Amino acid sequence: SLRLSCAASGHTFSNYIMGWFRQAPGKEREIVAHISSSGANTYYA
């Protein structure tokens, strides 16, 4: 297991959809997961 963190600074964080994407060598970038601005909704590949 691993836990990734992403720290944001600047504008109001709670206004933003946040997503994790990944790109393996020789492959296109793909979405892994995303979460709505409120945190109420999540999506996973």
All heavy atoms as atom14 arrays in JSON, in Angstrom:
{
  "sequence": "SLRLSCAASGHTFSNYIMGWFRQAPGKEREIVAHISSSGANTYYA",
  "atom14_mask": [
    [1, 1, 1, 1, 1, 1, 0, 0, 0, 0, 0, 0, 0, 0],
    [1, 1, 1, 1, 1, 1, 1, 1, 0, 0, 0, 0, 0, 0],
    [1, 1, 1, 1, 1, 1, 1, 1, 1, 1, 1, 0, 0, 0],
    [1, 1, 1, 1, 1, 1, 1, 1, 0, 0, 0, 0, 0, 0],
    [1, 1, 1, 1, 1, 1, 0, 0, 0, 0, 0, 0, 0, 0],
    [1, 1, 1, 1, 1, 1, 0, 0, 0, 0, 0, 0, 0, 0],
    [1, 1, 1, 1, 1, 0, 0, 0, 0, 0, 0, 0, 0, 0],
    [1, 1, 1, 1, 1, 0, 0, 0, 0, 0, 0, 0, 0, 0],
    [1, 1, 1, 1, 1, 1, 0, 0, 0, 0, 0, 0, 0, 0],
    [1, 1, 1, 1, 0, 0, 0, 0, 0, 0, 0, 0, 0, 0],
    [1, 1, 1, 1, 1, 1, 1, 1, 1, 1, 0, 0, 0, 0],
    [1, 1, 1, 1, 1, 1, 1, 0, 0, 0, 0, 0, 0, 0],
    [1, 1, 1, 1, 1, 1, 1, 1, 1, 1, 1, 0, 0, 0],
    [1, 1, 1, 1, 1, 1, 0, 0, 0, 0, 0, 0, 0, 0],
    [1, 1, 1, 1, 1, 1, 1, 1, 0, 0, 0, 0, 0, 0],
    [1, 1, 1, 1, 1, 1, 1, 1, 1, 1, 1, 1, 0, 0],
    [1, 1, 1, 1, 1, 1, 1, 1, 0, 0, 0, 0, 0, 0],
    [1, 1, 1, 1, 1, 1, 1, 1, 0, 0, 0, 0, 0, 0],
    [1, 1, 1, 1, 0, 0, 0, 0, 0, 0, 0, 0, 0, 0],
    [1, 1, 1, 1, 1, 1, 1, 1, 1, 1, 1, 1, 1, 1],
    [1, 1, 1, 1, 1, 1, 1, 1, 1, 1, 1, 0, 0, 0],
    [1, 1, 1, 1, 1, 1, 1, 1, 1, 1, 1, 0, 0, 0],
    [1, 1, 1, 1, 1, 1, 1, 1, 1, 0, 0, 0, 0, 0],
    [1, 1, 1, 1, 1, 0, 0, 0, 0, 0, 0, 0, 0, 0],
    [1, 1, 1, 1, 1, 1, 1, 0, 0, 0, 0, 0, 0, 0],
    [1, 1, 1, 1, 0, 0, 0, 0, 0, 0, 0, 0, 0, 0],
    [1, 1, 1, 1, 1, 1, 1, 1, 1, 0, 0, 0, 0, 0],
    [1, 1, 1, 1, 1, 1, 1, 1, 1, 0, 0, 0, 0, 0],
    [1, 1, 1, 1, 1, 1, 1, 1, 1, 1, 1, 0, 0, 0],
    [1, 1, 1, 1, 1, 1, 1, 1, 1, 0, 0, 0, 0, 0],
    [1, 1, 1, 1, 1, 1, 1, 1, 0, 0, 0, 0, 0, 0],
    [1, 1, 1, 1, 1, 1, 1, 0, 0, 0, 0, 0, 0, 0],
    [1, 1, 1, 1, 1, 0, 0, 0, 0, 0, 0, 0, 0, 0],
    [1, 1, 1, 1, 1, 1, 1, 1, 1, 1, 0, 0, 0, 0],
    [1, 1, 1, 1, 1, 1, 1, 1, 0, 0, 0, 0, 0, 0],
    [1, 1, 1, 1, 1, 1, 0, 0, 0, 0, 0, 0, 0, 0],
    [1, 1, 1, 1, 1, 1, 0, 0, 0, 0, 0, 0, 0, 0],
    [1, 1, 1, 1, 1, 1, 0, 0, 0, 0, 0, 0, 0, 0],
    [1, 1, 1, 1, 0, 0, 0, 0, 0, 0, 0, 0, 0, 0],
    [1, 1, 1, 1, 1, 0, 0, 0, 0, 0, 0, 0, 0, 0],
    [1, 1, 1, 1, 1, 1, 1, 1, 0, 0, 0, 0, 0, 0],
    [1, 1, 1, 1, 1, 1, 1, 0, 0, 0, 0, 0, 0, 0],
    [1, 1, 1, 1, 1, 1, 1, 1, 1, 1, 1, 1, 0, 0],
    [1, 1, 1, 1, 1, 1, 1, 1, 1, 1, 1, 1, 0, 0],
    [1, 1, 1, 1, 1, 0, 0, 0, 0, 0, 0, 0, 0, 0]
  ],
  "atom14_positions": [
    [[0.83, -1.21, 0.0], [0.0, 0.0, 0.0], [0.86, 1.25, 0.0], [1.99, 1.25, 0.49], [-0.9, 0.03, 1.25], [-1.79, -1.06, 1.28], [0.0, 0.0, 0.0], [0.0, 0.0, 0.0], [0.0, 0.0, 0.0], [0.0, 0.0, 0.0], [0.0, 0.0, 0.0], [0.0, 0.0, 0.0], [0.0, 0.0, 0.0], [0.0, 0.0, 0.0]],
    [[0.29, 2.3, -0.57], [0.87, 3.64, -0.51], [-0.26, 4.64, -0.36], [-1.37, 4.39, -0.83], [1.66, 3.98, -1.77], [3.05, 3.38, -1.96], [3.58, 3.73, -3.35], [4.01, 3.88, -0.89], [0.0, 0.0, 0.0], [0.0, 0.0, 0.0], [0.0, 0.0, 0.0], [0.0, 0.0, 0.0], [0.0, 0.0, 0.0], [0.0, 0.0, 0.0]],
    [[0.07, 5.78, 0.24], [-0.91, 6.86, 0.34], [-0.3, 8.11, -0.28], [0.72, 8.6, 0.2], [-1.28, 7.14, 1.79], [-2.42, 8.14, 1.94], [-2.49, 8.65, 3.36], [-3.77, 9.27, 3.67], [-3.95, 10.12, 4.67], [-2.93, 10.45, 5.46], [-5.14, 10.65, 4.91], [0.0, 0.0, 0.0], [0.0, 0.0, 0.0], [0.0, 0.0, 0.0]],
    [[-0.9, 8.58, -1.34], [-0.47, 9.81, -1.98], [-1.23, 10.99, -1.39], [-2.42, 10.87, -1.07], [-0.71, 9.76, -3.49], [-0.09, 8.58, -4.24], [-0.35, 8.74, -5.74], [1.38, 8.45, -3.96], [0.0, 0.0, 0.0], [0.0, 0.0, 0.0], [0.0, 0.0, 0.0], [0.0, 0.0, 0.0], [0.0, 0.0, 0.0], [0.0, 0.0, 0.0]],
    [[-0.54, 12.11, -1.29], [-1.17, 13.35, -0.85], [-0.91, 14.43, -1.89], [0.11, 14.42, -2.59], [-0.57, 13.81, 0.49], [-0.8, 12.86, 1.5], [0.0, 0.0, 0.0], [0.0, 0.0, 0.0], [0.0, 0.0, 0.0], [0.0, 0.0, 0.0], [0.0, 0.0, 0.0], [0.0, 0.0, 0.0], [0.0, 0.0, 0.0], [0.0, 0.0, 0.0]],
    [[-1.84, 15.36, -1.98], [-1.7, 16.49, -2.88], [-2.14, 17.73, -2.11], [-3.31, 17.87, -1.78], [-2.54, 16.3, -4.14], [-2.59, 17.74, -5.22], [0.0, 0.0, 0.0], [0.0, 0.0, 0.0], [0.0, 0.0, 0.0], [0.0, 0.0, 0.0], [0.0, 0.0, 0.0], [0.0, 0.0, 0.0], [0.0, 0.0, 0.0], [0.0, 0.0, 0.0]],
    [[-1.17, 18.6, -1.83], [-1.44, 19.82, -1.09], [-1.67, 20.97, -2.06], [-0.88, 21.17, -3.0], [-0.29, 20.13, -0.15], [0.0, 0.0, 0.0], [0.0, 0.0, 0.0], [0.0, 0.0, 0.0], [0.0, 0.0, 0.0], [0.0, 0.0, 0.0], [0.0, 0.0, 0.0], [0.0, 0.0, 0.0], [0.0, 0.0, 0.0], [0.0, 0.0, 0.0]],
    [[-2.72, 21.72, -1.83], [-3.08, 22.83, -2.71], [-2.92, 24.16, -2.01], [-3.15, 24.27, -0.81], [-4.53, 22.66, -3.18], [0.0, 0.0, 0.0], [0.0, 0.0, 0.0], [0.0, 0.0, 0.0], [0.0, 0.0, 0.0], [0.0, 0.0, 0.0], [0.0, 0.0, 0.0], [0.0, 0.0, 0.0], [0.0, 0.0, 0.0], [0.0, 0.0, 0.0]],
    [[-2.53, 25.14, -2.77], [-2.45, 26.5, -2.23], [-2.92, 27.46, -3.31], [-2.78, 27.21, -4.51], [-1.02, 26.83, -1.81], [-0.13, 26.75, -2.91], [0.0, 0.0, 0.0], [0.0, 0.0, 0.0], [0.0, 0.0, 0.0], [0.0, 0.0, 0.0], [0.0, 0.0, 0.0], [0.0, 0.0, 0.0], [0.0, 0.0, 0.0], [0.0, 0.0, 0.0]],
    [[-3.48, 28.58, -2.88], [-3.98, 29.55, -3.84], [-5.44, 29.85, -3.57], [-5.79, 30.26, -2.47], [0.0, 0.0, 0.0], [0.0, 0.0, 0.0], [0.0, 0.0, 0.0], [0.0, 0.0, 0.0], [0.0, 0.0, 0.0], [0.0, 0.0, 0.0], [0.0, 0.0, 0.0], [0.0, 0.0, 0.0], [0.0, 0.0, 0.0], [0.0, 0.0, 0.0]],
    [[-6.27, 29.61, -4.55], [-7.68, 29.93, -4.43], [-8.4, 28.95, -3.5], [-7.82, 28.0, -3.0], [-8.33, 29.94, -5.82], [-7.94, 31.12, -6.62], [-8.51, 31.42, -7.84], [-7.01, 32.09, -6.41], [-7.95, 32.51, -8.32], [-7.04, 32.93, -7.49], [0.0, 0.0, 0.0], [0.0, 0.0, 0.0], [0.0, 0.0, 0.0], [0.0, 0.0, 0.0]],
    [[-9.68, 29.16, -3.29], [-10.47, 28.37, -2.36], [-10.54, 26.92, -2.8], [-11.17, 26.57, -3.8], [-11.89, 28.95, -2.24], [-11.82, 30.33, -1.9], [-12.67, 28.21, -1.17], [0.0, 0.0, 0.0], [0.0, 0.0, 0.0], [0.0, 0.0, 0.0], [0.0, 0.0, 0.0], [0.0, 0.0, 0.0], [0.0, 0.0, 0.0], [0.0, 0.0, 0.0]],
    [[-9.89, 26.05, -2.03], [-9.76, 24.63, -2.38], [-11.12, 23.98, -2.53], [-11.32, 23.14, -3.41], [-8.93, 23.94, -1.29], [-8.71, 22.48, -1.51], [-7.89, 22.04, -2.53], [-9.31, 21.54, -0.69], [-7.66, 20.69, -2.74], [-9.09, 20.19, -0.87], [-8.26, 19.76, -1.9], [0.0, 0.0, 0.0], [0.0, 0.0, 0.0], [0.0, 0.0, 0.0]],
    [[-12.06, 24.34, -1.7], [-13.37, 23.69, -1.7], [-14.2, 24.02, -2.94], [-15.28, 23.47, -3.12], [-14.15, 24.06, -0.44], [-14.33, 25.46, -0.36], [0.0, 0.0, 0.0], [0.0, 0.0, 0.0], [0.0, 0.0, 0.0], [0.0, 0.0, 0.0], [0.0, 0.0, 0.0], [0.0, 0.0, 0.0], [0.0, 0.0, 0.0], [0.0, 0.0, 0.0]],
    [[-13.71, 24.88, -3.81], [-14.38, 25.17, -5.08], [-13.96, 24.24, -6.2], [-14.53, 24.3, -7.3], [-14.09, 26.61, -5.53], [-14.75, 27.65, -4.65], [-15.63, 27.34, -3.86], [-14.31, 28.89, -4.78], [0.0, 0.0, 0.0], [0.0, 0.0, 0.0], [0.0, 0.0, 0.0], [0.0, 0.0, 0.0], [0.0, 0.0, 0.0], [0.0, 0.0, 0.0]],
    [[-12.97, 23.38, -5.94], [-12.33, 22.62, -7.0], [-12.69, 21.14, -7.0], [-12.66, 20.47, -5.96], [-10.81, 22.73, -6.88], [-10.26, 24.07, -7.29], [-10.32, 25.16, -6.43], [-9.68, 24.25, -8.54], [-9.83, 26.39, -6.81], [-9.18, 25.48, -8.93], [-9.26, 26.55, -8.06], [-8.76, 27.77, -8.44], [0.0, 0.0, 0.0], [0.0, 0.0, 0.0]],
    [[-12.99, 20.62, -8.19], [-12.94, 19.18, -8.42], [-11.46, 18.79, -8.36], [-10.61, 19.47, -8.92], [-13.49, 18.82, -9.82], [-14.97, 19.15, -9.94], [-13.23, 17.35, -10.13], [-15.48, 19.02, -11.37], [0.0, 0.0, 0.0], [0.0, 0.0, 0.0], [0.0, 0.0, 0.0], [0.0, 0.0, 0.0], [0.0, 0.0, 0.0], [0.0, 0.0, 0.0]],
    [[-11.16, 17.67, -7.7], [-9.79, 17.19, -7.61], [-9.69, 15.79, -8.22], [-10.57, 14.96, -7.98], [-9.32, 17.15, -6.16], [-9.32, 18.49, -5.46], [-8.23, 19.7, -6.26], [-6.64, 18.9, -6.08], [0.0, 0.0, 0.0], [0.0, 0.0, 0.0], [0.0, 0.0, 0.0], [0.0, 0.0, 0.0], [0.0, 0.0, 0.0], [0.0, 0.0, 0.0]],
    [[-8.64, 15.57, -8.97], [-8.49, 14.27, -9.6], [-7.07, 13.76, -9.51], [-6.11, 14.54, -9.37], [0.0, 0.0, 0.0], [0.0, 0.0, 0.0], [0.0, 0.0, 0.0], [0.0, 0.0, 0.0], [0.0, 0.0, 0.0], [0.0, 0.0, 0.0], [0.0, 0.0, 0.0], [0.0, 0.0, 0.0], [0.0, 0.0, 0.0], [0.0, 0.0, 0.0]],
    [[-6.93, 12.44, -9.56], [-5.63, 11.78, -9.68], [-5.6, 11.11, -11.05], [-6.54, 10.4, -11.43], [-5.44, 10.73, -8.59], [-5.15, 11.31, -7.24], [-6.03, 11.49, -6.21], [-3.88, 11.76, -6.76], [-5.39, 12.04, -5.13], [-4.06, 12.21, -5.44], [-2.6, 11.82, -7.31], [-3.02, 12.73, -4.66], [-1.56, 12.33, -6.54], [-1.78, 12.77, -5.24]],
    [[-4.51, 11.37, -11.75], [-4.27, 10.77, -13.06], [-2.94, 10.04, -13.0], [-2.11, 10.33, -12.13], [-4.22, 11.86, -14.14], [-5.53, 12.57, -14.35], [-5.96, 13.55, -13.46], [-6.33, 12.28, -15.44], [-7.18, 14.2, -13.64], [-7.54, 12.92, -15.65], [-7.96, 13.89, -14.74], [0.0, 0.0, 0.0], [0.0, 0.0, 0.0], [0.0, 0.0, 0.0]],
    [[-2.7, 9.12, -13.93], [-1.42, 8.45, -13.98], [-1.0, 8.23, -15.42], [-1.84, 8.13, -16.32], [-1.46, 7.12, -13.23], [-2.32, 6.05, -13.85], [-2.38, 4.83, -12.93], [-3.18, 3.74, -13.52], [-3.47, 2.62, -12.87], [-3.05, 2.43, -11.63], [-4.2, 1.69, -13.47], [0.0, 0.0, 0.0], [0.0, 0.0, 0.0], [0.0, 0.0, 0.0]],
    [[0.31, 8.15, -15.59], [0.86, 7.88, -16.92], [2.03, 6.93, -16.78], [3.02, 7.24, -16.11], [1.29, 9.16, -17.61], [1.71, 8.95, -19.06], [1.81, 10.23, -19.84], [1.96, 11.31, -19.28], [1.72, 10.14, -21.16], [0.0, 0.0, 0.0], [0.0, 0.0, 0.0], [0.0, 0.0, 0.0], [0.0, 0.0, 0.0], [0.0, 0.0, 0.0]],
    [[1.88, 5.77, -17.4], [2.95, 4.78, -17.43], [3.8, 5.0, -18.68], [3.32, 5.58, -19.67], [2.35, 3.38, -17.43], [0.0, 0.0, 0.0], [0.0, 0.0, 0.0], [0.0, 0.0, 0.0], [0.0, 0.0, 0.0], [0.0, 0.0, 0.0], [0.0, 0.0, 0.0], [0.0, 0.0, 0.0], [0.0, 0.0, 0.0], [0.0, 0.0, 0.0]],
    [[5.05, 4.54, -18.67], [5.92, 4.72, -19.84], [5.29, 4.15, -21.11], [4.8, 3.02, -21.11], [7.18, 3.96, -19.46], [7.19, 3.97, -17.97], [5.75, 3.89, -17.56], [0.0, 0.0, 0.0], [0.0, 0.0, 0.0], [0.0, 0.0, 0.0], [0.0, 0.0, 0.0], [0.0, 0.0, 0.0], [0.0, 0.0, 0.0], [0.0, 0.0, 0.0]],
    [[5.27, 4.95, -22.16], [4.73, 4.51, -23.43], [3.22, 4.46, -23.51], [2.66, 4.01, -24.52], [0.0, 0.0, 0.0], [0.0, 0.0, 0.0], [0.0, 0.0, 0.0], [0.0, 0.0, 0.0], [0.0, 0.0, 0.0], [0.0, 0.0, 0.0], [0.0, 0.0, 0.0], [0.0, 0.0, 0.0], [0.0, 0.0, 0.0], [0.0, 0.0, 0.0]],
    [[2.55, 4.93, -22.47], [1.09, 4.91, -22.46], [0.53, 6.31, -22.3], [1.22, 7.22, -21.84], [0.58, 4.01, -21.34], [0.92, 2.54, -21.52], [0.23, 1.69, -20.49], [0.47, 0.2, -20.71], [-0.24, -0.65, -19.72], [0.0, 0.0, 0.0], [0.0, 0.0, 0.0], [0.0, 0.0, 0.0], [0.0, 0.0, 0.0], [0.0, 0.0, 0.0]],
    [[-0.74, 6.47, -22.67], [-1.4, 7.75, -22.5], [-1.77, 7.96, -21.03], [-1.96, 7.0, -20.28], [-2.66, 7.8, -23.37], [-2.38, 7.83, -24.86], [-3.63, 8.07, -25.67], [-4.73, 8.12, -25.09], [-3.51, 8.22, -26.9], [0.0, 0.0, 0.0], [0.0, 0.0, 0.0], [0.0, 0.0, 0.0], [0.0, 0.0, 0.0], [0.0, 0.0, 0.0]],
    [[-1.9, 9.22, -20.66], [-2.34, 9.54, -19.31], [-3.8, 9.1, -19.15], [-4.62, 9.28, -20.06], [-2.2, 11.04, -19.06], [-2.53, 11.47, -17.66], [-2.02, 12.86, -17.37], [-2.46, 13.85, -18.33], [-1.97, 15.07, -18.42], [-1.0, 15.46, -17.62], [-2.44, 15.92, -19.33], [0.0, 0.0, 0.0], [0.0, 0.0, 0.0], [0.0, 0.0, 0.0]],
    [[-4.1, 8.53, -17.99], [-5.45, 8.06, -17.73], [-5.92, 8.54, -16.36], [-5.12, 8.76, -15.45], [-5.51, 6.53, -17.78], [-4.67, 5.84, -16.74], [-4.83, 4.32, -16.76], [-5.66, 3.81, -17.54], [-4.11, 3.66, -16.0], [0.0, 0.0, 0.0], [0.0, 0.0, 0.0], [0.0, 0.0, 0.0], [0.0, 0.0, 0.0], [0.0, 0.0, 0.0]],
    [[-7.21, 8.68, -16.24], [-7.75, 9.07, -14.95], [-7.76, 7.87, -14.03], [-8.02, 6.74, -14.45], [-9.16, 9.69, -15.09], [-9.6, 10.29, -13.77], [-10.15, 8.65, -15.62], [-10.76, 11.24, -13.88], [0.0, 0.0, 0.0], [0.0, 0.0, 0.0], [0.0, 0.0, 0.0], [0.0, 0.0, 0.0], [0.0, 0.0, 0.0], [0.0, 0.0, 0.0]],
    [[-7.44, 8.11, -12.77], [-7.49, 7.08, -11.74], [-8.74, 7.25, -10.89], [-9.51, 6.31, -10.7], [-6.24, 7.17, -10.84], [-6.31, 6.16, -9.71], [-4.97, 6.96, -11.67], [0.0, 0.0, 0.0], [0.0, 0.0, 0.0], [0.0, 0.0, 0.0], [0.0, 0.0, 0.0], [0.0, 0.0, 0.0], [0.0, 0.0, 0.0], [0.0, 0.0, 0.0]],
    [[-8.94, 8.47, -10.4], [-10.09, 8.76, -9.55], [-10.28, 10.26, -9.48], [-9.34, 11.03, -9.69], [-9.88, 8.2, -8.14], [0.0, 0.0, 0.0], [0.0, 0.0, 0.0], [0.0, 0.0, 0.0], [0.0, 0.0, 0.0], [0.0, 0.0, 0.0], [0.0, 0.0, 0.0], [0.0, 0.0, 0.0], [0.0, 0.0, 0.0], [0.0, 0.0, 0.0]],
    [[-11.52, 10.67, -9.21], [-11.73, 12.09, -8.93], [-12.83, 12.25, -7.9], [-13.61, 11.32, -7.63], [-11.98, 12.9, -10.2], [-13.27, 12.62, -10.92], [-14.43, 13.31, -10.69], [-13.54, 11.75, -11.91], [-15.37, 12.87, -11.5], [-14.86, 11.92, -12.25], [0.0, 0.0, 0.0], [0.0, 0.0, 0.0], [0.0, 0.0, 0.0], [0.0, 0.0, 0.0]],
    [[-12.85, 13.43, -7.29], [-13.77, 13.7, -6.19], [-14.35, 15.09, -6.38], [-13.66, 16.02, -6.8], [-13.05, 13.54, -4.83], [-14.01, 13.67, -3.66], [-11.88, 14.53, -4.71], [-13.4, 13.21, -2.33], [0.0, 0.0, 0.0], [0.0, 0.0, 0.0], [0.0, 0.0, 0.0], [0.0, 0.0, 0.0], [0.0, 0.0, 0.0], [0.0, 0.0, 0.0]],
    [[-15.63, 15.22, -6.09], [-16.32, 16.49, -6.28], [-15.82, 17.54, -5.29], [-15.15, 17.21, -4.3], [-17.82, 16.31, -6.14], [-18.14, 15.83, -4.84], [0.0, 0.0, 0.0], [0.0, 0.0, 0.0], [0.0, 0.0, 0.0], [0.0, 0.0, 0.0], [0.0, 0.0, 0.0], [0.0, 0.0, 0.0], [0.0, 0.0, 0.0], [0.0, 0.0, 0.0]],
    [[-16.15, 18.79, -5.57], [-15.65, 19.88, -4.73], [-16.08, 19.73, -3.26], [-15.31, 20.07, -2.37], [-16.12, 21.22, -5.29], [-17.54, 21.25, -5.39], [0.0, 0.0, 0.0], [0.0, 0.0, 0.0], [0.0, 0.0, 0.0], [0.0, 0.0, 0.0], [0.0, 0.0, 0.0], [0.0, 0.0, 0.0], [0.0, 0.0, 0.0], [0.0, 0.0, 0.0]],
    [[-17.26, 19.2, -3.04], [-17.75, 19.02, -1.66], [-17.24, 17.73, -1.03], [-17.29, 17.57, 0.18], [-19.28, 18.99, -1.65], [-19.75, 17.82, -2.3], [0.0, 0.0, 0.0], [0.0, 0.0, 0.0], [0.0, 0.0, 0.0], [0.0, 0.0, 0.0], [0.0, 0.0, 0.0], [0.0, 0.0, 0.0], [0.0, 0.0, 0.0], [0.0, 0.0, 0.0]],
    [[-16.78, 16.82, -1.87], [-16.36, 15.5, -1.38], [-17.49, 14.48, -1.36], [-17.27, 13.32, -1.02], [0.0, 0.0, 0.0], [0.0, 0.0, 0.0], [0.0, 0.0, 0.0], [0.0, 0.0, 0.0], [0.0, 0.0, 0.0], [0.0, 0.0, 0.0], [0.0, 0.0, 0.0], [0.0, 0.0, 0.0], [0.0, 0.0, 0.0], [0.0, 0.0, 0.0]],
    [[-18.68, 14.88, -1.78], [-19.84, 13.99, -1.7], [-19.82, 12.9, -2.76], [-20.42, 11.84, -2.59], [-21.12, 14.8, -1.81], [0.0, 0.0, 0.0], [0.0, 0.0, 0.0], [0.0, 0.0, 0.0], [0.0, 0.0, 0.0], [0.0, 0.0, 0.0], [0.0, 0.0, 0.0], [0.0, 0.0, 0.0], [0.0, 0.0, 0.0], [0.0, 0.0, 0.0]],
    [[-19.16, 13.17, -3.89], [-19.15, 12.22, -5.01], [-17.74, 11.82, -5.37], [-16.83, 12.66, -5.38], [-19.82, 12.84, -6.23], [-21.28, 13.17, -5.98], [-22.1, 12.28, -5.79], [-21.61, 14.44, -5.99], [0.0, 0.0, 0.0], [0.0, 0.0, 0.0], [0.0, 0.0, 0.0], [0.0, 0.0, 0.0], [0.0, 0.0, 0.0], [0.0, 0.0, 0.0]],
    [[-17.56, 10.53, -5.68], [-16.27, 10.03, -6.13], [-16.46, 9.14, -7.35], [-17.54, 8.54, -7.55], [-15.56, 9.21, -5.04], [-16.42, 8.13, -4.63], [-15.23, 10.07, -3.83], [0.0, 0.0, 0.0], [0.0, 0.0, 0.0], [0.0, 0.0, 0.0], [0.0, 0.0, 0.0], [0.0, 0.0, 0.0], [0.0, 0.0, 0.0], [0.0, 0.0, 0.0]],
    [[-15.42, 9.08, -8.15], [-15.41, 8.21, -9.34], [-14.08, 7.48, -9.38], [-13.03, 8.06, -9.06], [-15.58, 9.04, -10.61], [-15.3, 8.26, -11.86], [-16.27, 7.45, -12.44], [-14.02, 8.27, -12.44], [-16.0, 6.7, -13.57], [-13.75, 7.52, -13.57], [-14.74, 6.74, -14.13], [-14.46, 5.99, -15.23], [0.0, 0.0, 0.0], [0.0, 0.0, 0.0]],
    [[-14.11, 6.21, -9.8], [-12.9, 5.41, -9.93], [-12.85, 4.73, -11.29], [-13.89, 4.26, -11.8], [-12.85, 4.33, -8.85], [-12.8, 4.89, -7.45], [-13.96, 5.09, -6.72], [-11.58, 5.23, -6.87], [-13.93, 5.62, -5.43], [-11.53, 5.76, -5.59], [-12.7, 5.95, -4.88], [-12.65, 6.48, -3.62], [0.0, 0.0, 0.0], [0.0, 0.0, 0.0]],
    [[-11.66, 4.66, -11.85], [-11.46, 3.85, -13.03], [-11.69, 2.38, -12.66], [-11.42, 1.98, -11.52], [-10.05, 4.04, -13.58], [0.0, 0.0, 0.0], [0.0, 0.0, 0.0], [0.0, 0.0, 0.0], [0.0, 0.0, 0.0], [0.0, 0.0, 0.0], [0.0, 0.0, 0.0], [0.0, 0.0, 0.0], [0.0, 0.0, 0.0], [0.0, 0.0, 0.0]]
  ]
}
